[in-house]
Amino acid sequence: MIDIPTDNLKIEVWPIPGIHQRGGQHVGTYPGVRITHLPSGIHAYVDIGRSQHINKIIAMDMILAAITHPKFR
């Protein structure tokens, strides 16, 4: 597996509007994730899950797939 140095990544998180608990209370979570690979400028935006951790894993997989794809080289 390829390790990307953390200083080559910019990770941003933000809340997704419209997520509410039962009773109408707004949940103060930040599940939306965008990871940018700074040397290449490739970024992945993921907000499909309710978990920031899962969204980060998916975004990192997308970045790794993009930078290791033969067409990228």
PDB file of N, CA and C in Angstrom:
ATOM      1  N   MET A   1       0.838  -1.183   0.000  1.00  0.00           N
ATOM      2  CA  MET A   1       0.000   0.000   0.000  1.00  0.00           C
ATOM      3  C   MET A   1       0.884   1.248   0.000  1.00  0.00           C
ATOM      4  N   ILE A   2       0.441   2.257  -0.658  1.00  0.00           N
ATOM      5  CA  ILE A   2       1.179   3.512  -0.764  1.00  0.00           C
ATOM      6  C   ILE A   2       0.782   4.418   0.394  1.00  0.00           C
ATOM      7  N   ASP A   3       1.770   4.981   1.053  1.00  0.00           N
ATOM      8  CA  ASP A   3       1.517   5.966   2.100  1.00  0.00           C
ATOM      9  C   ASP A   3       1.728   7.353   1.522  1.00  0.00           C
ATOM     10  N   ILE A   4       0.747   8.208   1.705  1.00  0.00           N
ATOM     11  CA  ILE A   4       0.863   9.590   1.267  1.00  0.00           C
ATOM     12  C   ILE A   4       1.229  10.417   2.494  1.00  0.00           C
ATOM     13  N   PRO A   5       2.318  11.187   2.423  1.00  0.00           N
ATOM     14  CA  PRO A   5       2.676  12.034   3.569  1.00  0.00           C
ATOM     15  C   PRO A   5       1.537  13.001   3.903  1.00  0.00           C
ATOM     16  N   THR A   6       1.274  13.173   5.173  1.00  0.00           N
ATOM     17  CA  THR A   6       0.156  14.021   5.580  1.00  0.00           C
ATOM     18  C   THR A   6       0.357  15.481   5.176  1.00  0.00           C
ATOM     19  N   ASP A   7       1.609  15.911   5.011  1.00  0.00           N
ATOM     20  CA  ASP A   7       1.811  17.297   4.578  1.00  0.00           C
ATOM     21  C   ASP A   7       1.497  17.478   3.096  1.00  0.00           C
ATOM     22  N   ASN A   8       1.202  16.387   2.379  1.00  0.00           N
ATOM     23  CA  ASN A   8       0.767  16.468   0.983  1.00  0.00           C
ATOM     24  C   ASN A   8      -0.754  16.485   0.865  1.00  0.00           C
ATOM     25  N   LEU A   9      -1.448  16.482   1.999  1.00  0.00           N
ATOM     26  CA  LEU A   9      -2.904  16.437   1.997  1.00  0.00           C
ATOM     27  C   LEU A   9      -3.496  17.643   2.709  1.00  0.00           C
ATOM     28  N   LYS A  10      -4.604  18.118   2.170  1.00  0.00           N
ATOM     29  CA  LYS A  10      -5.399  19.138   2.854  1.00  0.00           C
ATOM     30  C   LYS A  10      -6.758  18.501   3.105  1.00  0.00           C
ATOM     31  N   ILE A  11      -7.139  18.400   4.376  1.00  0.00           N
ATOM     32  CA  ILE A  11      -8.395  17.755   4.746  1.00  0.00           C
ATOM     33  C   ILE A  11      -9.329  18.817   5.320  1.00  0.00           C
ATOM     34  N   GLU A  12     -10.514  18.913   4.711  1.00  0.00           N
ATOM     35  CA  GLU A  12     -11.518  19.880   5.159  1.00  0.00           C
ATOM     36  C   GLU A  12     -12.785  19.126   5.544  1.00  0.00           C
ATOM     37  N   VAL A  13     -13.437  19.567   6.602  1.00  0.00           N
ATOM     38  CA  VAL A  13     -14.698  18.964   7.042  1.00  0.00           C
ATOM     39  C   VAL A  13     -15.716  20.074   7.288  1.00  0.00           C
ATOM     40  N   TRP A  14     -16.998  19.753   7.127  1.00  0.00           N
ATOM     41  CA  TRP A  14     -18.049  20.730   7.351  1.00  0.00           C
ATOM     42  C   TRP A  14     -19.359  20.001   7.607  1.00  0.00           C
ATOM     43  N   PRO A  15     -20.311  20.700   8.216  1.00  0.00           N
ATOM     44  CA  PRO A  15     -21.606  20.062   8.473  1.00  0.00           C
ATOM     45  C   PRO A  15     -22.427  19.981   7.190  1.00  0.00           C
ATOM     46  N   ILE A  16     -23.245  18.971   7.113  1.00  0.00           N
ATOM     47  CA  ILE A  16     -24.183  18.845   6.004  1.00  0.00           C
ATOM     48  C   ILE A  16     -25.523  19.362   6.501  1.00  0.00           C
ATOM     49  N   PRO A  17     -26.075  20.377   5.835  1.00  0.00           N
ATOM     50  CA  PRO A  17     -27.343  20.941   6.314  1.00  0.00           C
ATOM     51  C   PRO A  17     -28.480  19.933   6.219  1.00  0.00           C
ATOM     52  N   GLY A  18     -29.410  20.050   7.145  1.00  0.00           N
ATOM     53  CA  GLY A  18     -30.607  19.236   7.076  1.00  0.00           C
ATOM     54  C   GLY A  18     -30.569  17.946   7.865  1.00  0.00           C
ATOM     55  N   ILE A  19     -29.491  17.662   8.581  1.00  0.00           N
ATOM     56  CA  ILE A  19     -29.450  16.455   9.406  1.00  0.00           C
ATOM     57  C   ILE A  19     -30.022  16.810  10.776  1.00  0.00           C
ATOM     58  N   HIS A  20     -31.100  16.152  11.137  1.00  0.00           N
ATOM     59  CA  HIS A  20     -31.779  16.448  12.394  1.00  0.00           C
ATOM     60  C   HIS A  20     -32.035  15.171  13.180  1.00  0.00           C
ATOM     61  N   GLN A  21     -32.061  15.328  14.495  1.00  0.00           N
ATOM     62  CA  GLN A  21     -32.441  14.228  15.364  1.00  0.00           C
ATOM     63  C   GLN A  21     -33.957  14.190  15.467  1.00  0.00           C
ATOM     64  N   ARG A  22     -34.444  13.111  16.068  1.00  0.00           N
ATOM     65  CA  ARG A  22     -35.880  13.062  16.337  1.00  0.00           C
ATOM     66  C   ARG A  22     -36.231  14.243  17.226  1.00  0.00           C
ATOM     67  N   GLY A  23     -37.365  14.818  16.994  1.00  0.00           N
ATOM     68  CA  GLY A  23     -37.779  15.975  17.770  1.00  0.00           C
ATOM     69  C   GLY A  23     -37.361  17.285  17.119  1.00  0.00           C
ATOM     70  N   GLY A  24     -36.673  17.219  15.967  1.00  0.00           N
ATOM     71  CA  GLY A  24     -36.334  18.418  15.210  1.00  0.00           C
ATOM     72  C   GLY A  24     -35.041  19.093  15.610  1.00  0.00           C
ATOM     73  N   GLN A  25     -34.267  18.502  16.524  1.00  0.00           N
ATOM     74  CA  GLN A  25     -33.021  19.129  16.938  1.00  0.00           C
ATOM     75  C   GLN A  25     -31.942  18.888  15.896  1.00  0.00           C
ATOM     76  N   HIS A  26     -31.170  19.922  15.616  1.00  0.00           N
ATOM     77  CA  HIS A  26     -30.081  19.814  14.641  1.00  0.00           C
ATOM     78  C   HIS A  26     -28.900  19.072  15.268  1.00  0.00           C
ATOM     79  N   VAL A  27     -28.312  18.169  14.499  1.00  0.00           N
ATOM     80  CA  VAL A  27     -27.155  17.413  14.964  1.00  0.00           C
ATOM     81  C   VAL A  27     -25.906  18.199  14.612  1.00  0.00           C
ATOM     82  N   GLY A  28     -25.018  18.431  15.557  1.00  0.00           N
ATOM     83  CA  GLY A  28     -23.812  19.217  15.330  1.00  0.00           C
ATOM     84  C   GLY A  28     -22.642  18.372  14.859  1.00  0.00           C
ATOM     85  N   THR A  29     -22.848  17.578  13.822  1.00  0.00           N
ATOM     86  CA  THR A  29     -21.774  16.746  13.311  1.00  0.00           C
ATOM     87  C   THR A  29     -21.201  17.348  12.042  1.00  0.00           C
ATOM     88  N   TYR A  30     -20.018  16.893  11.674  1.00  0.00           N
ATOM     89  CA  TYR A  30     -19.329  17.391  10.495  1.00  0.00           C
ATOM     90  C   TYR A  30     -18.936  16.208   9.609  1.00  0.00           C
ATOM     91  N   PRO A  31     -19.931  15.557   8.960  1.00  0.00           N
ATOM     92  CA  PRO A  31     -19.598  14.367   8.201  1.00  0.00           C
ATOM     93  C   PRO A  31     -19.049  14.627   6.797  1.00  0.00           C
ATOM     94  N   GLY A  32     -19.260  15.810   6.222  1.00  0.00           N
ATOM     95  CA  GLY A  32     -18.759  16.087   4.884  1.00  0.00           C
ATOM     96  C   GLY A  32     -17.241  16.233   4.893  1.00  0.00           C
ATOM     97  N   VAL A  33     -16.557  15.576   3.943  1.00  0.00           N
ATOM     98  CA  VAL A  33     -15.100  15.576   3.913  1.00  0.00           C
ATOM     99  C   VAL A  33     -14.616  15.854   2.488  1.00  0.00           C
ATOM    100  N   ARG A  34     -13.637  16.741   2.366  1.00  0.00           N
ATOM    101  CA  ARG A  34     -12.943  16.930   1.093  1.00  0.00           C
ATOM    102  C   ARG A  34     -11.454  16.821   1.374  1.00  0.00           C
ATOM    103  N   ILE A  35     -10.801  15.930   0.640  1.00  0.00           N
ATOM    104  CA  ILE A  35      -9.358  15.754   0.764  1.00  0.00           C
ATOM    105  C   ILE A  35      -8.728  16.165  -0.554  1.00  0.00           C
ATOM    106  N   THR A  36      -7.721  17.019  -0.475  1.00  0.00           N
ATOM    107  CA  THR A  36      -7.000  17.468  -1.656  1.00  0.00           C
ATOM    108  C   THR A  36      -5.569  16.970  -1.576  1.00  0.00           C
ATOM    109  N   HIS A  37      -5.105  16.338  -2.658  1.00  0.00           N
ATOM    110  CA  HIS A  37      -3.707  15.923  -2.775  1.00  0.00           C
ATOM    111  C   HIS A  37      -2.980  17.127  -3.364  1.00  0.00           C
ATOM    112  N   LEU A  38      -2.236  17.842  -2.530  1.00  0.00           N
ATOM    113  CA  LEU A  38      -1.653  19.124  -2.914  1.00  0.00           C
ATOM    114  C   LEU A  38      -0.693  19.058  -4.097  1.00  0.00           C
ATOM    115  N   PRO A  39       0.192  18.057  -4.204  1.00  0.00           N
ATOM    116  CA  PRO A  39       1.111  18.036  -5.346  1.00  0.00           C
ATOM    117  C   PRO A  39       0.404  17.923  -6.700  1.00  0.00           C
ATOM    118  N   SER A  40      -0.728  17.218  -6.743  1.00  0.00           N
ATOM    119  CA  SER A  40      -1.411  17.000  -8.024  1.00  0.00           C
ATOM    120  C   SER A  40      -2.638  17.884  -8.209  1.00  0.00           C
ATOM    121  N   GLY A  41      -3.186  18.391  -7.101  1.00  0.00           N
ATOM    122  CA  GLY A  41      -4.415  19.175  -7.181  1.00  0.00           C
ATOM    123  C   GLY A  41      -5.673  18.329  -7.246  1.00  0.00           C
ATOM    124  N   ILE A  42      -5.536  17.015  -7.190  1.00  0.00           N
ATOM    125  CA  ILE A  42      -6.698  16.125  -7.221  1.00  0.00           C
ATOM    126  C   ILE A  42      -7.403  16.204  -5.871  1.00  0.00           C
ATOM    127  N   HIS A  43      -8.737  16.298  -5.927  1.00  0.00           N
ATOM    128  CA  HIS A  43      -9.479  16.285  -4.669  1.00  0.00           C
ATOM    129  C   HIS A  43     -10.656  15.337  -4.760  1.00  0.00           C
ATOM    130  N   ALA A  44     -11.072  14.857  -3.593  1.00  0.00           N
ATOM    131  CA  ALA A  44     -12.216  13.961  -3.480  1.00  0.00           C
ATOM    132  C   ALA A  44     -13.149  14.529  -2.421  1.00  0.00           C
ATOM    133  N   TYR A  45     -14.408  14.630  -2.772  1.00  0.00           N
ATOM    134  CA  TYR A  45     -15.434  15.147  -1.875  1.00  0.00           C
ATOM    135  C   TYR A  45     -16.416  14.023  -1.575  1.00  0.00           C
ATOM    136  N   VAL A  46     -16.631  13.736  -0.299  1.00  0.00           N
ATOM    137  CA  VAL A  46     -17.535  12.649   0.093  1.00  0.00           C
ATOM    138  C   VAL A  46     -18.430  13.130   1.226  1.00  0.00           C
ATOM    139  N   ASP A  47     -19.729  12.957   1.037  1.00  0.00           N
ATOM    140  CA  ASP A  47     -20.685  13.272   2.102  1.00  0.00           C
ATOM    141  C   ASP A  47     -21.831  12.266   2.126  1.00  0.00           C
ATOM    142  N   ILE A  48     -21.531  11.028   1.679  1.00  0.00           N
ATOM    143  CA  ILE A  48     -22.598  10.046   1.553  1.00  0.00           C
ATOM    144  C   ILE A  48     -22.954   9.356   2.865  1.00  0.00           C
ATOM    145  N   GLY A  49     -22.003   9.270   3.778  1.00  0.00           N
ATOM    146  CA  GLY A  49     -22.262   8.583   5.039  1.00  0.00           C
ATOM    147  C   GLY A  49     -22.547   9.571   6.152  1.00  0.00           C
ATOM    148  N   ARG A  50     -23.042   9.070   7.257  1.00  0.00           N
ATOM    149  CA  ARG A  50     -23.286   9.927   8.409  1.00  0.00           C
ATOM    150  C   ARG A  50     -22.073   9.980   9.318  1.00  0.00           C
ATOM    151  N   SER A  51     -21.023   9.245   8.958  1.00  0.00           N
ATOM    152  CA  SER A  51     -19.819   9.188   9.767  1.00  0.00           C
ATOM    153  C   SER A  51     -18.663   9.878   9.045  1.00  0.00           C
ATOM    154  N   GLN A  52     -18.048  10.830   9.706  1.00  0.00           N
ATOM    155  CA  GLN A  52     -16.890  11.509   9.134  1.00  0.00           C
ATOM    156  C   GLN A  52     -15.756  10.521   8.892  1.00  0.00           C
ATOM    157  N   HIS A  53     -15.577   9.582   9.788  1.00  0.00           N
ATOM    158  CA  HIS A  53     -14.507   8.592   9.669  1.00  0.00           C
ATOM    159  C   HIS A  53     -14.663   7.772   8.384  1.00  0.00           C
ATOM    160  N   ILE A  54     -15.860   7.286   8.133  1.00  0.00           N
ATOM    161  CA  ILE A  54     -16.123   6.492   6.927  1.00  0.00           C
ATOM    162  C   ILE A  54     -15.924   7.355   5.683  1.00  0.00           C
ATOM    163  N   ASN A  55     -16.406   8.577   5.717  1.00  0.00           N
ATOM    164  CA  ASN A  55     -16.243   9.470   4.568  1.00  0.00           C
ATOM    165  C   ASN A  55     -14.774   9.768   4.285  1.00  0.00           C
ATOM    166  N   LYS A  56     -13.956   9.888   5.326  1.00  0.00           N
ATOM    167  CA  LYS A  56     -12.514  10.104   5.128  1.00  0.00           C
ATOM    168  C   LYS A  56     -11.859   8.888   4.472  1.00  0.00           C
ATOM    169  N   ILE A  57     -12.258   7.702   4.906  1.00  0.00           N
ATOM    170  CA  ILE A  57     -11.705   6.477   4.314  1.00  0.00           C
ATOM    171  C   ILE A  57     -12.046   6.407   2.830  1.00  0.00           C
ATOM    172  N   ILE A  58     -13.291   6.699   2.496  1.00  0.00           N
ATOM    173  CA  ILE A  58     -13.718   6.659   1.097  1.00  0.00           C
ATOM    174  C   ILE A  58     -12.961   7.702   0.278  1.00  0.00           C
ATOM    175  N   ALA A  59     -12.822   8.913   0.808  1.00  0.00           N
ATOM    176  CA  ALA A  59     -12.113   9.977   0.089  1.00  0.00           C
ATOM    177  C   ALA A  59     -10.641   9.614  -0.117  1.00  0.00           C
ATOM    178  N   MET A  60     -10.003   9.033   0.893  1.00  0.00           N
ATOM    179  CA  MET A  60      -8.599   8.624   0.742  1.00  0.00           C
ATOM    180  C   MET A  60      -8.463   7.521  -0.299  1.00  0.00           C
ATOM    181  N   ASP A  61      -9.402   6.581  -0.319  1.00  0.00           N
ATOM    182  CA  ASP A  61      -9.386   5.539  -1.348  1.00  0.00           C
ATOM    183  C   ASP A  61      -9.507   6.141  -2.739  1.00  0.00           C
ATOM    184  N   MET A  62     -10.332   7.159  -2.877  1.00  0.00           N
ATOM    185  CA  MET A  62     -10.496   7.822  -4.173  1.00  0.00           C
ATOM    186  C   MET A  62      -9.211   8.531  -4.594  1.00  0.00           C
ATOM    187  N   ILE A  63      -8.559   9.201  -3.654  1.00  0.00           N
ATOM    188  CA  ILE A  63      -7.293   9.886  -3.952  1.00  0.00           C
ATOM    189  C   ILE A  63      -6.236   8.865  -4.363  1.00  0.00           C
ATOM    190  N   LEU A  64      -6.109   7.787  -3.591  1.00  0.00           N
ATOM    191  CA  LEU A  64      -5.118   6.754  -3.919  1.00  0.00           C
ATOM    192  C   LEU A  64      -5.379   6.133  -5.287  1.00  0.00           C
ATOM    193  N   ALA A  65      -6.640   5.875  -5.600  1.00  0.00           N
ATOM    194  CA  ALA A  65      -6.980   5.300  -6.902  1.00  0.00           C
ATOM    195  C   ALA A  65      -6.597   6.256  -8.020  1.00  0.00           C
ATOM    196  N   ALA A  66      -6.831   7.529  -7.816  1.00  0.00           N
ATOM    197  CA  ALA A  66      -6.525   8.514  -8.856  1.00  0.00           C
ATOM    198  C   ALA A  66      -5.027   8.657  -9.089  1.00  0.00           C
ATOM    199  N   ILE A  67      -4.247   8.735  -8.011  1.00  0.00           N
ATOM    200  CA  ILE A  67      -2.813   8.990  -8.207  1.00  0.00           C
ATOM    201  C   ILE A  67      -2.033   7.728  -8.562  1.00  0.00           C
ATOM    202  N   THR A  68      -2.610   6.549  -8.373  1.00  0.00           N
ATOM    203  CA  THR A  68      -1.908   5.330  -8.742  1.00  0.00           C
ATOM    204  C   THR A  68      -2.398   4.755 -10.077  1.00  0.00           C
ATOM    205  N   HIS A  69      -3.406   5.358 -10.660  1.00  0.00           N
ATOM    206  CA  HIS A  69      -3.928   4.883 -11.934  1.00  0.00           C
ATOM    207  C   HIS A  69      -2.889   5.107 -13.033  1.00  0.00           C
ATOM    208  N   PRO A  70      -2.723   4.142 -13.944  1.00  0.00           N
ATOM    209  CA  PRO A  70      -1.700   4.271 -14.992  1.00  0.00           C
ATOM    210  C   PRO A  70      -1.832   5.532 -15.851  1.00  0.00           C
ATOM    211  N   LYS A  71      -3.046   6.010 -16.078  1.00  0.00           N
ATOM    212  CA  LYS A  71      -3.242   7.217 -16.885  1.00  0.00           C
ATOM    213  C   LYS A  71      -2.736   8.468 -16.167  1.00  0.00           C
ATOM    214  N   PHE A  72      -2.681   8.422 -14.829  1.00  0.00           N
ATOM    215  CA  PHE A  72      -2.221   9.577 -14.065  1.00  0.00           C
ATOM    216  C   PHE A  72      -0.724   9.793 -14.241  1.00  0.00           C
ATOM    217  N   ARG A  73       0.007   8.694 -14.383  1.00  0.00           N
ATOM    218  CA  ARG A  73       1.459   8.793 -14.477  1.00  0.00           C
ATOM    219  C   ARG A  73       1.843   9.319 -15.774  1.00  0.00           C
TER     220      ARG A  73
END
